[in-house]
Amino acid sequence: MQNSTIRAANLPPADAAASTSTYSPEWHEAQRLRARKHFEQLYSNWLTARGDHANPAHEDDDEAARLRSNREDEAARLLFVTPAVLPFMVWQKIEAFEFYFCGDGECRWTDRRQVAFFGCIKADLARFGIGGED
């Protein structure tokens, strides 16, 4: 997967910020629908990769297990860095965050990505105006 292509998929054309009035409400709704479908696909990809990684039917080949683990890690990264389009999607990110943060009592990640993932969730909450009350 091309990460830059995936991240850019939810963004309007560069000139849209300068002149949003030139884009119809239908265009904006189509963009929102596309972003929603994109996020839902990323969530589904993460669930699938997570299930595949945990599937006991796989042989205990170290290389194959490493590849499944890498696919799950990449699916999680893409899920977290993609902005939530609707509030329920923030909860989906929290579900994934809990899986890695709480899991089975130990975390296999050593690069502190949980902190970055939590930052992504906080950005989503701020975008929806959740938790900013004084």
N, C-alpha and C. Protein backbone atom coordinates (compact mmCIF):
# COMPACT_ATOMS: atom_id res chain seq x y z
N MET A 1 0.83 -1.19 0.00
CA MET A 1 0.00 0.00 0.00
C MET A 1 0.88 1.25 0.00
N GLN A 2 0.44 2.22 -0.73
CA GLN A 2 1.14 3.49 -0.76
C GLN A 2 0.62 4.36 0.37
N ASN A 3 1.45 4.58 1.40
CA ASN A 3 1.00 5.36 2.56
C ASN A 3 0.61 6.78 2.18
N SER A 4 1.42 7.44 1.34
CA SER A 4 1.11 8.82 0.99
C SER A 4 -0.20 8.90 0.22
N THR A 5 -0.49 7.92 -0.61
CA THR A 5 -1.74 7.90 -1.34
C THR A 5 -2.90 7.69 -0.40
N ILE A 6 -2.75 6.81 0.56
CA ILE A 6 -3.82 6.53 1.51
C ILE A 6 -4.09 7.74 2.38
N ARG A 7 -3.03 8.38 2.90
CA ARG A 7 -3.24 9.54 3.75
C ARG A 7 -3.87 10.69 2.98
N ALA A 8 -3.51 10.84 1.73
CA ALA A 8 -4.02 11.95 0.94
C ALA A 8 -5.43 11.70 0.41
N ALA A 9 -5.91 10.47 0.51
CA ALA A 9 -7.21 10.13 -0.07
C ALA A 9 -8.35 10.94 0.52
N ASN A 10 -8.23 11.38 1.77
CA ASN A 10 -9.32 12.10 2.42
C ASN A 10 -9.24 13.61 2.23
N LEU A 11 -8.23 14.09 1.56
CA LEU A 11 -8.03 15.53 1.45
C LEU A 11 -8.63 16.07 0.17
N PRO A 12 -9.25 17.25 0.24
CA PRO A 12 -9.75 17.88 -0.98
C PRO A 12 -8.58 18.42 -1.80
N PRO A 13 -8.84 18.81 -3.04
CA PRO A 13 -7.76 19.38 -3.85
C PRO A 13 -7.14 20.58 -3.14
N ALA A 14 -5.89 20.88 -3.45
CA ALA A 14 -5.14 21.94 -2.77
C ALA A 14 -5.86 23.28 -2.83
N ASP A 15 -6.56 23.57 -3.91
CA ASP A 15 -7.23 24.86 -4.04
C ASP A 15 -8.57 24.91 -3.30
N ALA A 16 -9.02 23.81 -2.73
CA ALA A 16 -10.31 23.79 -2.05
C ALA A 16 -10.31 24.67 -0.81
N ALA A 17 -9.22 24.71 -0.08
CA ALA A 17 -9.15 25.54 1.12
C ALA A 17 -9.27 27.01 0.79
N ALA A 18 -8.72 27.40 -0.33
CA ALA A 18 -8.75 28.81 -0.72
C ALA A 18 -10.13 29.24 -1.20
N SER A 19 -10.89 28.31 -1.77
CA SER A 19 -12.18 28.68 -2.34
C SER A 19 -13.18 27.55 -2.17
N THR A 20 -13.64 27.36 -0.94
CA THR A 20 -14.59 26.27 -0.69
C THR A 20 -15.94 26.55 -1.32
N SER A 21 -16.24 27.80 -1.62
CA SER A 21 -17.54 28.12 -2.20
C SER A 21 -17.67 27.58 -3.61
N THR A 22 -16.57 27.23 -4.27
CA THR A 22 -16.64 26.72 -5.63
C THR A 22 -17.03 25.25 -5.66
N TYR A 23 -17.06 24.62 -4.50
CA TYR A 23 -17.42 23.22 -4.44
C TYR A 23 -18.84 23.09 -3.90
N SER A 24 -19.66 22.31 -4.56
CA SER A 24 -21.07 22.17 -4.19
C SER A 24 -21.22 21.35 -2.91
N PRO A 25 -22.37 21.49 -2.27
CA PRO A 25 -22.65 20.64 -1.10
C PRO A 25 -22.58 19.15 -1.47
N GLU A 26 -22.99 18.83 -2.69
CA GLU A 26 -22.91 17.43 -3.14
C GLU A 26 -21.47 16.95 -3.19
N TRP A 27 -20.57 17.84 -3.64
CA TRP A 27 -19.15 17.48 -3.70
C TRP A 27 -18.62 17.21 -2.29
N HIS A 28 -18.98 18.09 -1.35
CA HIS A 28 -18.53 17.92 0.03
C HIS A 28 -19.09 16.63 0.63
N GLU A 29 -20.36 16.34 0.35
CA GLU A 29 -20.96 15.11 0.87
C GLU A 29 -20.29 13.89 0.25
N ALA A 30 -19.98 13.95 -1.03
CA ALA A 30 -19.28 12.83 -1.68
C ALA A 30 -17.89 12.63 -1.07
N GLN A 31 -17.22 13.72 -0.74
CA GLN A 31 -15.90 13.62 -0.09
C GLN A 31 -16.03 12.99 1.29
N ARG A 32 -17.05 13.40 2.05
CA ARG A 32 -17.26 12.86 3.38
C ARG A 32 -17.59 11.37 3.31
N LEU A 33 -18.42 11.00 2.35
CA LEU A 33 -18.77 9.59 2.18
C LEU A 33 -17.55 8.77 1.80
N ARG A 34 -16.73 9.32 0.90
CA ARG A 34 -15.50 8.63 0.50
C ARG A 34 -14.55 8.47 1.69
N ALA A 35 -14.43 9.51 2.50
CA ALA A 35 -13.57 9.44 3.69
C ALA A 35 -14.12 8.42 4.68
N ARG A 36 -15.44 8.37 4.83
CA ARG A 36 -16.05 7.40 5.75
C ARG A 36 -15.76 5.97 5.28
N LYS A 37 -15.99 5.71 4.01
CA LYS A 37 -15.75 4.37 3.47
C LYS A 37 -14.27 3.99 3.62
N HIS A 38 -13.40 4.96 3.39
CA HIS A 38 -11.97 4.72 3.52
C HIS A 38 -11.62 4.33 4.95
N PHE A 39 -12.13 5.08 5.92
CA PHE A 39 -11.85 4.77 7.33
C PHE A 39 -12.42 3.40 7.69
N GLU A 40 -13.66 3.13 7.29
CA GLU A 40 -14.27 1.84 7.60
C GLU A 40 -13.48 0.68 7.00
N GLN A 41 -12.91 0.89 5.80
CA GLN A 41 -12.08 -0.14 5.19
C GLN A 41 -10.80 -0.34 5.99
N LEU A 42 -10.21 0.74 6.48
CA LEU A 42 -9.00 0.62 7.30
C LEU A 42 -9.29 -0.13 8.59
N TYR A 43 -10.44 0.15 9.21
CA TYR A 43 -10.82 -0.56 10.43
C TYR A 43 -11.01 -2.05 10.14
N SER A 44 -11.68 -2.35 9.04
CA SER A 44 -11.88 -3.73 8.64
C SER A 44 -10.54 -4.42 8.35
N ASN A 45 -9.64 -3.71 7.68
CA ASN A 45 -8.31 -4.26 7.40
C ASN A 45 -7.58 -4.60 8.69
N TRP A 46 -7.71 -3.72 9.69
CA TRP A 46 -7.03 -3.98 10.97
C TRP A 46 -7.62 -5.21 11.64
N LEU A 47 -8.96 -5.30 11.68
CA LEU A 47 -9.59 -6.47 12.29
C LEU A 47 -9.17 -7.76 11.57
N THR A 48 -9.14 -7.71 10.25
CA THR A 48 -8.75 -8.88 9.46
C THR A 48 -7.31 -9.27 9.74
N ALA A 49 -6.42 -8.29 9.74
CA ALA A 49 -4.99 -8.57 9.99
C ALA A 49 -4.79 -9.10 11.41
N ARG A 50 -5.51 -8.53 12.35
CA ARG A 50 -5.42 -8.99 13.74
C ARG A 50 -5.90 -10.43 13.86
N GLY A 51 -7.01 -10.74 13.22
CA GLY A 51 -7.54 -12.10 13.23
C GLY A 51 -6.60 -13.08 12.53
N ASP A 52 -6.03 -12.65 11.42
CA ASP A 52 -5.10 -13.52 10.69
C ASP A 52 -3.86 -13.80 11.52
N HIS A 53 -3.39 -12.78 12.22
CA HIS A 53 -2.20 -12.95 13.07
C HIS A 53 -2.47 -13.92 14.20
N ALA A 54 -3.69 -13.92 14.74
CA ALA A 54 -4.03 -14.78 15.87
C ALA A 54 -4.57 -16.14 15.45
N ASN A 55 -4.76 -16.38 14.17
CA ASN A 55 -5.37 -17.61 13.68
C ASN A 55 -4.50 -18.83 14.01
N PRO A 56 -5.01 -19.76 14.81
CA PRO A 56 -4.22 -20.93 15.18
C PRO A 56 -4.03 -21.93 14.04
N ALA A 57 -4.73 -21.76 12.93
CA ALA A 57 -4.59 -22.66 11.80
C ALA A 57 -3.28 -22.46 11.05
N HIS A 58 -2.62 -21.32 11.28
CA HIS A 58 -1.35 -21.07 10.60
C HIS A 58 -0.25 -21.94 11.19
N GLU A 59 0.67 -22.31 10.34
CA GLU A 59 1.83 -23.06 10.82
C GLU A 59 2.72 -22.12 11.62
N ASP A 60 3.57 -22.70 12.43
CA ASP A 60 4.44 -21.92 13.29
C ASP A 60 5.74 -21.50 12.61
N ASP A 61 5.66 -21.16 11.36
CA ASP A 61 6.81 -20.70 10.59
C ASP A 61 7.15 -19.28 11.06
N ASP A 62 8.37 -19.05 11.54
CA ASP A 62 8.75 -17.74 12.07
C ASP A 62 8.62 -16.63 11.04
N GLU A 63 9.04 -16.90 9.82
CA GLU A 63 8.98 -15.86 8.78
C GLU A 63 7.53 -15.50 8.45
N ALA A 64 6.67 -16.49 8.31
CA ALA A 64 5.26 -16.22 8.02
C ALA A 64 4.60 -15.48 9.19
N ALA A 65 4.94 -15.85 10.42
CA ALA A 65 4.40 -15.17 11.59
C ALA A 65 4.87 -13.72 11.63
N ARG A 66 6.11 -13.47 11.28
CA ARG A 66 6.64 -12.11 11.25
C ARG A 66 5.90 -11.28 10.20
N LEU A 67 5.64 -11.85 9.04
CA LEU A 67 4.92 -11.14 7.99
C LEU A 67 3.49 -10.81 8.43
N ARG A 68 2.82 -11.76 9.09
CA ARG A 68 1.46 -11.49 9.59
C ARG A 68 1.50 -10.39 10.64
N SER A 69 2.49 -10.42 11.50
CA SER A 69 2.64 -9.38 12.52
C SER A 69 2.88 -8.03 11.88
N ASN A 70 3.72 -7.99 10.86
CA ASN A 70 4.00 -6.73 10.15
C ASN A 70 2.74 -6.19 9.48
N ARG A 71 1.93 -7.08 8.89
CA ARG A 71 0.68 -6.63 8.26
C ARG A 71 -0.27 -6.04 9.30
N GLU A 72 -0.33 -6.67 10.46
CA GLU A 72 -1.19 -6.14 11.53
C GLU A 72 -0.68 -4.78 12.00
N ASP A 73 0.63 -4.66 12.19
CA ASP A 73 1.22 -3.38 12.61
C ASP A 73 0.92 -2.27 11.61
N GLU A 74 1.08 -2.57 10.33
CA GLU A 74 0.83 -1.57 9.29
C GLU A 74 -0.65 -1.18 9.26
N ALA A 75 -1.53 -2.15 9.40
CA ALA A 75 -2.97 -1.86 9.42
C ALA A 75 -3.32 -0.97 10.61
N ALA A 76 -2.70 -1.23 11.77
CA ALA A 76 -2.95 -0.39 12.95
C ALA A 76 -2.44 1.03 12.72
N ARG A 77 -1.25 1.16 12.17
CA ARG A 77 -0.70 2.50 11.92
C ARG A 77 -1.61 3.29 10.99
N LEU A 78 -2.06 2.66 9.91
CA LEU A 78 -2.92 3.36 8.96
C LEU A 78 -4.25 3.75 9.59
N LEU A 79 -4.79 2.88 10.42
CA LEU A 79 -6.04 3.21 11.12
C LEU A 79 -5.87 4.42 12.01
N PHE A 80 -4.79 4.46 12.78
CA PHE A 80 -4.61 5.55 13.73
C PHE A 80 -4.31 6.88 13.07
N VAL A 81 -3.55 6.90 12.02
CA VAL A 81 -3.17 8.19 11.42
C VAL A 81 -4.26 8.77 10.53
N THR A 82 -5.29 8.00 10.24
CA THR A 82 -6.40 8.50 9.43
C THR A 82 -7.42 9.16 10.34
N PRO A 83 -7.74 10.43 10.11
CA PRO A 83 -8.70 11.13 10.97
C PRO A 83 -10.08 10.45 10.96
N ALA A 84 -10.68 10.37 12.13
CA ALA A 84 -12.05 9.85 12.23
C ALA A 84 -12.98 10.83 11.53
N VAL A 85 -13.91 10.29 10.79
CA VAL A 85 -14.87 11.11 10.05
C VAL A 85 -16.13 11.35 10.87
N LEU A 86 -16.49 10.36 11.69
CA LEU A 86 -17.67 10.44 12.55
C LEU A 86 -17.27 10.05 13.97
N PRO A 87 -18.02 10.53 14.96
CA PRO A 87 -17.63 10.26 16.35
C PRO A 87 -17.48 8.78 16.70
N PHE A 88 -18.31 7.89 16.14
CA PHE A 88 -18.19 6.48 16.51
C PHE A 88 -16.84 5.90 16.08
N MET A 89 -16.21 6.52 15.11
CA MET A 89 -14.91 6.04 14.64
C MET A 89 -13.81 6.29 15.68
N VAL A 90 -14.01 7.31 16.51
CA VAL A 90 -13.06 7.54 17.60
C VAL A 90 -13.09 6.34 18.54
N TRP A 91 -14.29 5.81 18.79
CA TRP A 91 -14.41 4.63 19.66
C TRP A 91 -13.73 3.42 19.04
N GLN A 92 -13.78 3.32 17.72
CA GLN A 92 -13.08 2.22 17.06
C GLN A 92 -11.57 2.35 17.26
N LYS A 93 -11.07 3.56 17.21
CA LYS A 93 -9.65 3.77 17.47
C LYS A 93 -9.31 3.43 18.93
N ILE A 94 -10.20 3.81 19.85
CA ILE A 94 -9.97 3.50 21.26
C ILE A 94 -9.95 1.98 21.45
N GLU A 95 -10.82 1.26 20.77
CA GLU A 95 -10.82 -0.20 20.83
C GLU A 95 -9.46 -0.76 20.42
N ALA A 96 -8.94 -0.25 19.31
CA ALA A 96 -7.63 -0.71 18.84
C ALA A 96 -6.53 -0.31 19.82
N PHE A 97 -6.63 0.90 20.35
CA PHE A 97 -5.64 1.38 21.31
C PHE A 97 -5.62 0.48 22.55
N GLU A 98 -6.80 0.15 23.05
CA GLU A 98 -6.89 -0.73 24.22
C GLU A 98 -6.27 -2.08 23.95
N PHE A 99 -6.46 -2.60 22.74
CA PHE A 99 -5.90 -3.90 22.39
C PHE A 99 -4.38 -3.88 22.55
N TYR A 100 -3.74 -2.82 22.07
CA TYR A 100 -2.28 -2.77 22.13
C TYR A 100 -1.77 -2.29 23.48
N PHE A 101 -2.52 -1.43 24.12
CA PHE A 101 -2.06 -0.88 25.38
C PHE A 101 -2.29 -1.84 26.54
N CYS A 102 -3.44 -2.48 26.54
CA CYS A 102 -3.80 -3.35 27.66
C CYS A 102 -3.54 -4.82 27.36
N GLY A 103 -3.87 -5.22 26.16
CA GLY A 103 -3.61 -6.56 25.67
C GLY A 103 -3.52 -7.64 26.73
N ASP A 104 -2.45 -8.38 26.68
CA ASP A 104 -2.26 -9.49 27.61
C ASP A 104 -1.28 -9.13 28.71
N GLY A 105 -1.15 -7.84 29.02
CA GLY A 105 -0.28 -7.42 30.10
C GLY A 105 1.11 -7.00 29.66
N GLU A 106 1.43 -7.26 28.43
CA GLU A 106 2.73 -6.82 27.93
C GLU A 106 2.54 -6.27 26.52
N CYS A 107 3.39 -5.38 26.15
CA CYS A 107 3.29 -4.77 24.83
C CYS A 107 4.49 -5.21 24.01
N ARG A 108 4.22 -5.62 22.78
CA ARG A 108 5.33 -6.08 21.95
C ARG A 108 6.02 -4.92 21.23
N TRP A 109 5.44 -3.72 21.32
CA TRP A 109 6.06 -2.57 20.69
C TRP A 109 7.00 -1.89 21.67
N THR A 110 8.16 -1.53 21.20
CA THR A 110 9.15 -0.87 22.05
C THR A 110 9.45 0.54 21.60
N ASP A 111 8.75 1.03 20.59
CA ASP A 111 9.05 2.35 20.03
C ASP A 111 8.08 3.44 20.48
N ARG A 112 7.29 3.17 21.51
CA ARG A 112 6.39 4.15 22.12
C ARG A 112 5.30 4.63 21.16
N ARG A 113 4.91 3.83 20.20
CA ARG A 113 3.89 4.27 19.25
C ARG A 113 2.53 4.45 19.91
N GLN A 114 2.33 3.84 21.09
CA GLN A 114 1.06 4.05 21.78
C GLN A 114 0.85 5.53 22.08
N VAL A 115 1.91 6.23 22.41
CA VAL A 115 1.82 7.66 22.70
C VAL A 115 1.37 8.41 21.45
N ALA A 116 1.93 8.06 20.30
CA ALA A 116 1.52 8.70 19.04
C ALA A 116 0.07 8.35 18.71
N PHE A 117 -0.31 7.10 18.91
CA PHE A 117 -1.69 6.69 18.65
C PHE A 117 -2.66 7.45 19.55
N PHE A 118 -2.30 7.61 20.81
CA PHE A 118 -3.15 8.35 21.73
C PHE A 118 -3.28 9.80 21.27
N GLY A 119 -2.21 10.37 20.77
CA GLY A 119 -2.26 11.73 20.22
C GLY A 119 -3.23 11.83 19.05
N CYS A 120 -3.27 10.80 18.21
CA CYS A 120 -4.22 10.78 17.09
C CYS A 120 -5.66 10.75 17.59
N ILE A 121 -5.91 9.97 18.63
CA ILE A 121 -7.25 9.90 19.21
C ILE A 121 -7.63 11.24 19.82
N LYS A 122 -6.70 11.88 20.53
CA LYS A 122 -6.98 13.19 21.11
C LYS A 122 -7.29 14.22 20.02
N ALA A 123 -6.61 14.14 18.91
CA ALA A 123 -6.88 15.07 17.79
C ALA A 123 -8.30 14.85 17.27
N ASP A 124 -8.72 13.59 17.17
CA ASP A 124 -10.09 13.32 16.74
C ASP A 124 -11.10 13.88 17.72
N LEU A 125 -10.87 13.68 19.01
CA LEU A 125 -11.78 14.21 20.02
C LEU A 125 -11.87 15.73 19.92
N ALA A 126 -10.74 16.38 19.74
CA ALA A 126 -10.73 17.84 19.60
C ALA A 126 -11.48 18.27 18.34
N ARG A 127 -11.32 17.53 17.25
CA ARG A 127 -11.99 17.86 16.00
C ARG A 127 -13.51 17.82 16.16
N PHE A 128 -14.02 16.91 16.99
CA PHE A 128 -15.45 16.80 17.24
C PHE A 128 -15.92 17.66 18.41
N GLY A 129 -15.00 18.42 19.02
CA GLY A 129 -15.36 19.29 20.12
C GLY A 129 -15.67 18.55 21.40
N ILE A 130 -15.08 17.39 21.57
CA ILE A 130 -15.33 16.56 22.75
C ILE A 130 -14.23 16.81 23.77
N GLY A 131 -14.59 17.17 24.98
CA GLY A 131 -13.62 17.30 26.04
C GLY A 131 -12.95 18.65 26.14
N GLY A 132 -13.35 19.62 25.36
CA GLY A 132 -12.72 20.93 25.42
C GLY A 132 -13.43 21.91 26.32
N GLU A 133 -14.46 21.45 27.01
CA GLU A 133 -15.22 22.33 27.89
C GLU A 133 -14.40 22.70 29.11
N ASP A 134 -14.62 23.92 29.60
CA ASP A 134 -13.91 24.37 30.81
C ASP A 134 -14.65 23.99 32.06
